[in-house]
């Protein structure tokens, strides 16, 4: 798992901010499933990280990135029970 992904999974928004400050291109990095940090936030059901990604303009590019199976974060969220994440994705 990549550094930004680990920070997203563990809910460390400030660590994510620092990683992206030092390495802006880290937002485009995907893991072996084709997942960005946003996918990790959805799966981990980490609301704070999720909100951070949604409100950070330089991270908007990862909102609709499809993984290796063609899924987007919205599609992945739709299959989960966390209604807050689904609502945040739909509203954005």
N, C-alpha and C. Protein backbone atom coordinates (compact mmCIF):
# COMPACT_ATOMS: atom_id res chain seq x y z
N UNK A 1 0.85 -1.17 0.00
CA UNK A 1 0.00 0.00 0.00
C UNK A 1 0.90 1.24 0.00
N UNK A 2 0.47 2.25 -0.71
CA UNK A 2 1.24 3.47 -0.87
C UNK A 2 1.04 4.42 0.32
N UNK A 3 1.98 5.32 0.51
CA UNK A 3 1.95 6.22 1.67
C UNK A 3 0.65 7.00 1.78
N UNK A 4 0.19 7.59 0.69
CA UNK A 4 -1.05 8.36 0.72
C UNK A 4 -2.24 7.45 1.03
N UNK A 5 -2.21 6.25 0.50
CA UNK A 5 -3.27 5.28 0.75
C UNK A 5 -3.29 4.87 2.23
N UNK A 6 -2.13 4.67 2.80
CA UNK A 6 -2.04 4.31 4.22
C UNK A 6 -2.60 5.43 5.08
N UNK A 7 -2.21 6.66 4.78
CA UNK A 7 -2.72 7.81 5.53
C UNK A 7 -4.24 7.89 5.40
N UNK A 8 -4.77 7.65 4.20
CA UNK A 8 -6.22 7.68 3.98
C UNK A 8 -6.91 6.58 4.78
N UNK A 9 -6.35 5.40 4.76
CA UNK A 9 -6.95 4.27 5.48
C UNK A 9 -6.98 4.52 6.98
N UNK A 10 -5.94 5.15 7.49
CA UNK A 10 -5.83 5.37 8.93
C UNK A 10 -6.46 6.69 9.38
N UNK A 11 -6.98 7.46 8.43
CA UNK A 11 -7.68 8.69 8.78
C UNK A 11 -6.79 9.87 9.11
N UNK A 12 -5.58 9.86 8.61
CA UNK A 12 -4.62 10.92 8.91
C UNK A 12 -4.66 12.02 7.84
N UNK A 13 -5.62 12.90 7.97
CA UNK A 13 -5.80 13.97 6.99
C UNK A 13 -4.58 14.88 6.95
N UNK A 14 -4.04 15.24 8.08
CA UNK A 14 -2.86 16.13 8.09
C UNK A 14 -1.66 15.48 7.42
N UNK A 15 -1.50 14.20 7.60
CA UNK A 15 -0.41 13.48 6.92
C UNK A 15 -0.65 13.52 5.42
N UNK A 16 -1.88 13.31 5.01
CA UNK A 16 -2.22 13.39 3.58
C UNK A 16 -1.90 14.77 3.03
N UNK A 17 -2.25 15.81 3.77
CA UNK A 17 -1.97 17.18 3.34
C UNK A 17 -0.47 17.38 3.15
N UNK A 18 0.32 16.88 4.08
CA UNK A 18 1.78 17.04 3.99
C UNK A 18 2.35 16.25 2.81
N UNK A 19 1.87 15.04 2.62
CA UNK A 19 2.33 14.23 1.48
C UNK A 19 2.03 14.97 0.18
N UNK A 20 0.82 15.50 0.06
CA UNK A 20 0.43 16.19 -1.18
C UNK A 20 1.13 17.54 -1.33
N UNK A 21 1.50 18.16 -0.23
CA UNK A 21 2.25 19.41 -0.31
C UNK A 21 3.65 19.14 -0.88
N UNK A 22 4.25 18.06 -0.41
CA UNK A 22 5.61 17.72 -0.85
C UNK A 22 5.63 17.00 -2.19
N UNK A 23 4.57 16.24 -2.47
CA UNK A 23 4.52 15.44 -3.69
C UNK A 23 3.11 15.52 -4.28
N UNK A 24 2.78 16.62 -4.97
CA UNK A 24 1.42 16.81 -5.50
C UNK A 24 0.94 15.68 -6.41
N UNK A 25 1.85 15.06 -7.14
CA UNK A 25 1.45 14.00 -8.06
C UNK A 25 1.03 12.72 -7.34
N UNK A 26 1.22 12.66 -6.03
CA UNK A 26 0.80 11.48 -5.26
C UNK A 26 -0.70 11.24 -5.36
N UNK A 27 -1.48 12.28 -5.63
CA UNK A 27 -2.93 12.11 -5.74
C UNK A 27 -3.32 11.23 -6.92
N UNK A 28 -2.47 11.15 -7.92
CA UNK A 28 -2.76 10.36 -9.12
C UNK A 28 -2.32 8.90 -9.00
N UNK A 29 -1.60 8.57 -7.95
CA UNK A 29 -1.04 7.23 -7.81
C UNK A 29 -2.13 6.24 -7.42
N UNK A 30 -2.10 5.09 -8.08
CA UNK A 30 -3.07 4.02 -7.80
C UNK A 30 -2.33 2.78 -7.31
N UNK A 31 -3.05 1.95 -6.58
CA UNK A 31 -2.45 0.70 -6.11
C UNK A 31 -2.65 -0.39 -7.16
N UNK A 32 -2.38 -1.64 -6.79
CA UNK A 32 -2.47 -2.73 -7.77
C UNK A 32 -3.90 -3.03 -8.24
N UNK A 33 -4.91 -2.49 -7.54
CA UNK A 33 -6.30 -2.63 -7.97
C UNK A 33 -6.74 -1.46 -8.83
N UNK A 34 -5.87 -0.46 -8.95
CA UNK A 34 -6.23 0.75 -9.66
C UNK A 34 -6.94 1.75 -8.76
N UNK A 35 -6.81 1.57 -7.45
CA UNK A 35 -7.49 2.42 -6.48
C UNK A 35 -6.66 3.63 -6.09
N UNK A 36 -7.31 4.77 -6.06
CA UNK A 36 -6.70 5.99 -5.53
C UNK A 36 -6.98 6.05 -4.03
N UNK A 37 -6.49 7.09 -3.38
CA UNK A 37 -6.73 7.28 -1.94
C UNK A 37 -8.23 7.40 -1.66
N UNK A 38 -9.01 7.90 -2.62
CA UNK A 38 -10.45 8.04 -2.42
C UNK A 38 -11.12 6.67 -2.27
N UNK A 39 -10.70 5.70 -3.06
CA UNK A 39 -11.24 4.34 -2.92
C UNK A 39 -10.96 3.82 -1.51
N UNK A 40 -9.75 4.06 -1.04
CA UNK A 40 -9.36 3.60 0.29
C UNK A 40 -10.25 4.26 1.34
N UNK A 41 -10.54 5.54 1.17
CA UNK A 41 -11.42 6.25 2.11
C UNK A 41 -12.82 5.66 2.09
N UNK A 42 -13.31 5.30 0.91
CA UNK A 42 -14.65 4.70 0.80
C UNK A 42 -14.68 3.34 1.50
N UNK A 43 -13.72 2.49 1.20
CA UNK A 43 -13.68 1.15 1.78
C UNK A 43 -13.46 1.21 3.29
N UNK A 44 -12.63 2.14 3.73
CA UNK A 44 -12.34 2.28 5.16
C UNK A 44 -13.45 3.03 5.88
N UNK A 45 -14.37 3.59 5.10
CA UNK A 45 -15.48 4.39 5.63
C UNK A 45 -14.97 5.51 6.53
N UNK A 46 -13.92 6.16 6.04
CA UNK A 46 -13.29 7.23 6.79
C UNK A 46 -13.86 8.56 6.32
N UNK A 47 -14.83 9.07 7.05
CA UNK A 47 -15.57 10.27 6.66
C UNK A 47 -14.67 11.49 6.57
N UNK A 48 -13.76 11.68 7.53
CA UNK A 48 -12.90 12.87 7.52
C UNK A 48 -12.01 12.91 6.29
N UNK A 49 -11.42 11.78 5.94
CA UNK A 49 -10.59 11.71 4.74
C UNK A 49 -11.44 11.94 3.51
N UNK A 50 -12.60 11.33 3.50
CA UNK A 50 -13.50 11.47 2.37
C UNK A 50 -13.87 12.93 2.14
N UNK A 51 -14.24 13.63 3.21
CA UNK A 51 -14.58 15.05 3.11
C UNK A 51 -13.38 15.86 2.64
N UNK A 52 -12.20 15.53 3.13
CA UNK A 52 -10.99 16.24 2.72
C UNK A 52 -10.78 16.10 1.21
N UNK A 53 -10.91 14.89 0.70
CA UNK A 53 -10.73 14.67 -0.74
C UNK A 53 -11.75 15.49 -1.53
N UNK A 54 -12.99 15.48 -1.08
CA UNK A 54 -14.05 16.19 -1.80
C UNK A 54 -13.87 17.71 -1.79
N UNK A 55 -13.31 18.26 -0.73
CA UNK A 55 -13.19 19.72 -0.64
C UNK A 55 -11.83 20.26 -1.11
N UNK A 56 -10.97 19.39 -1.60
CA UNK A 56 -9.64 19.80 -2.05
C UNK A 56 -9.61 19.82 -3.57
N UNK A 57 -9.57 21.03 -4.16
CA UNK A 57 -9.64 21.15 -5.62
C UNK A 57 -8.63 20.29 -6.38
N UNK A 58 -7.40 20.19 -5.90
CA UNK A 58 -6.40 19.41 -6.64
C UNK A 58 -6.69 17.91 -6.61
N UNK A 59 -7.62 17.50 -5.75
CA UNK A 59 -7.98 16.09 -5.68
C UNK A 59 -9.25 15.76 -6.46
N UNK A 60 -9.88 16.77 -7.04
CA UNK A 60 -11.10 16.55 -7.82
C UNK A 60 -10.89 15.55 -8.95
N UNK A 61 -9.67 15.49 -9.45
CA UNK A 61 -9.38 14.60 -10.58
C UNK A 61 -9.58 13.13 -10.24
N UNK A 62 -9.54 12.78 -8.95
CA UNK A 62 -9.67 11.36 -8.60
C UNK A 62 -11.11 10.95 -8.30
N UNK A 63 -12.05 11.88 -8.39
CA UNK A 63 -13.44 11.56 -8.06
C UNK A 63 -14.05 10.52 -8.99
N UNK A 64 -13.71 10.58 -10.26
CA UNK A 64 -14.34 9.68 -11.24
C UNK A 64 -13.36 8.73 -11.91
N UNK A 65 -12.22 8.50 -11.27
CA UNK A 65 -11.23 7.58 -11.82
C UNK A 65 -11.73 6.15 -11.64
N UNK A 66 -11.81 5.42 -12.75
CA UNK A 66 -12.25 4.02 -12.68
C UNK A 66 -11.07 3.12 -12.31
N UNK A 67 -11.35 2.10 -11.53
CA UNK A 67 -10.31 1.14 -11.16
C UNK A 67 -10.16 0.09 -12.27
N UNK A 68 -9.38 -0.93 -12.02
CA UNK A 68 -9.12 -1.96 -13.04
C UNK A 68 -10.37 -2.73 -13.45
N UNK A 69 -11.38 -2.73 -12.59
CA UNK A 69 -12.64 -3.42 -12.90
C UNK A 69 -13.69 -2.48 -13.49
N UNK A 70 -13.31 -1.22 -13.69
CA UNK A 70 -14.24 -0.25 -14.26
C UNK A 70 -15.13 0.44 -13.23
N UNK A 71 -14.90 0.17 -11.96
CA UNK A 71 -15.70 0.80 -10.90
C UNK A 71 -15.16 2.19 -10.57
N UNK A 72 -16.06 3.06 -10.20
CA UNK A 72 -15.68 4.38 -9.71
C UNK A 72 -15.93 4.42 -8.20
N UNK A 73 -15.40 5.42 -7.51
CA UNK A 73 -15.68 5.52 -6.07
C UNK A 73 -17.18 5.57 -5.78
N UNK A 74 -17.96 6.24 -6.63
CA UNK A 74 -19.41 6.32 -6.43
C UNK A 74 -20.05 4.94 -6.50
N UNK A 75 -19.65 4.17 -7.47
CA UNK A 75 -20.21 2.82 -7.62
C UNK A 75 -19.83 1.94 -6.42
N UNK A 76 -18.60 2.08 -5.98
CA UNK A 76 -18.15 1.32 -4.82
C UNK A 76 -18.92 1.75 -3.57
N UNK A 77 -19.12 3.04 -3.41
CA UNK A 77 -19.86 3.57 -2.25
C UNK A 77 -21.32 3.11 -2.28
N UNK A 78 -21.88 3.01 -3.48
CA UNK A 78 -23.29 2.61 -3.61
C UNK A 78 -23.52 1.21 -3.07
N UNK A 79 -22.51 0.37 -3.14
CA UNK A 79 -22.64 -0.99 -2.65
C UNK A 79 -22.35 -1.15 -1.16
N UNK A 80 -22.05 -0.06 -0.51
CA UNK A 80 -21.71 -0.10 0.92
C UNK A 80 -22.87 0.44 1.74
N UNK A 81 -22.83 0.19 3.01
CA UNK A 81 -23.92 0.61 3.90
C UNK A 81 -23.78 2.04 4.43
N UNK A 82 -22.64 2.68 4.19
CA UNK A 82 -22.43 4.00 4.76
C UNK A 82 -23.16 5.05 3.93
N UNK A 83 -24.30 5.48 4.41
CA UNK A 83 -25.14 6.43 3.69
C UNK A 83 -24.52 7.82 3.63
N UNK A 84 -23.70 8.16 4.61
CA UNK A 84 -23.05 9.48 4.64
C UNK A 84 -22.10 9.60 3.45
N UNK A 85 -21.28 8.59 3.22
CA UNK A 85 -20.34 8.62 2.11
C UNK A 85 -21.09 8.67 0.78
N UNK A 86 -22.14 7.87 0.64
CA UNK A 86 -22.92 7.90 -0.60
C UNK A 86 -23.49 9.28 -0.85
N UNK A 87 -24.06 9.89 0.17
CA UNK A 87 -24.65 11.22 0.02
C UNK A 87 -23.59 12.25 -0.35
N UNK A 88 -22.45 12.20 0.31
CA UNK A 88 -21.38 13.14 -0.01
C UNK A 88 -20.93 13.00 -1.46
N UNK A 89 -20.81 11.77 -1.94
CA UNK A 89 -20.40 11.55 -3.33
C UNK A 89 -21.44 12.06 -4.31
N UNK A 90 -22.69 11.76 -4.07
CA UNK A 90 -23.76 12.18 -4.98
C UNK A 90 -23.86 13.70 -5.00
N UNK A 91 -23.74 14.33 -3.85
CA UNK A 91 -23.85 15.79 -3.76
C UNK A 91 -22.69 16.50 -4.43
N UNK A 92 -21.58 15.80 -4.60
CA UNK A 92 -20.41 16.42 -5.21
C UNK A 92 -20.26 15.92 -6.62
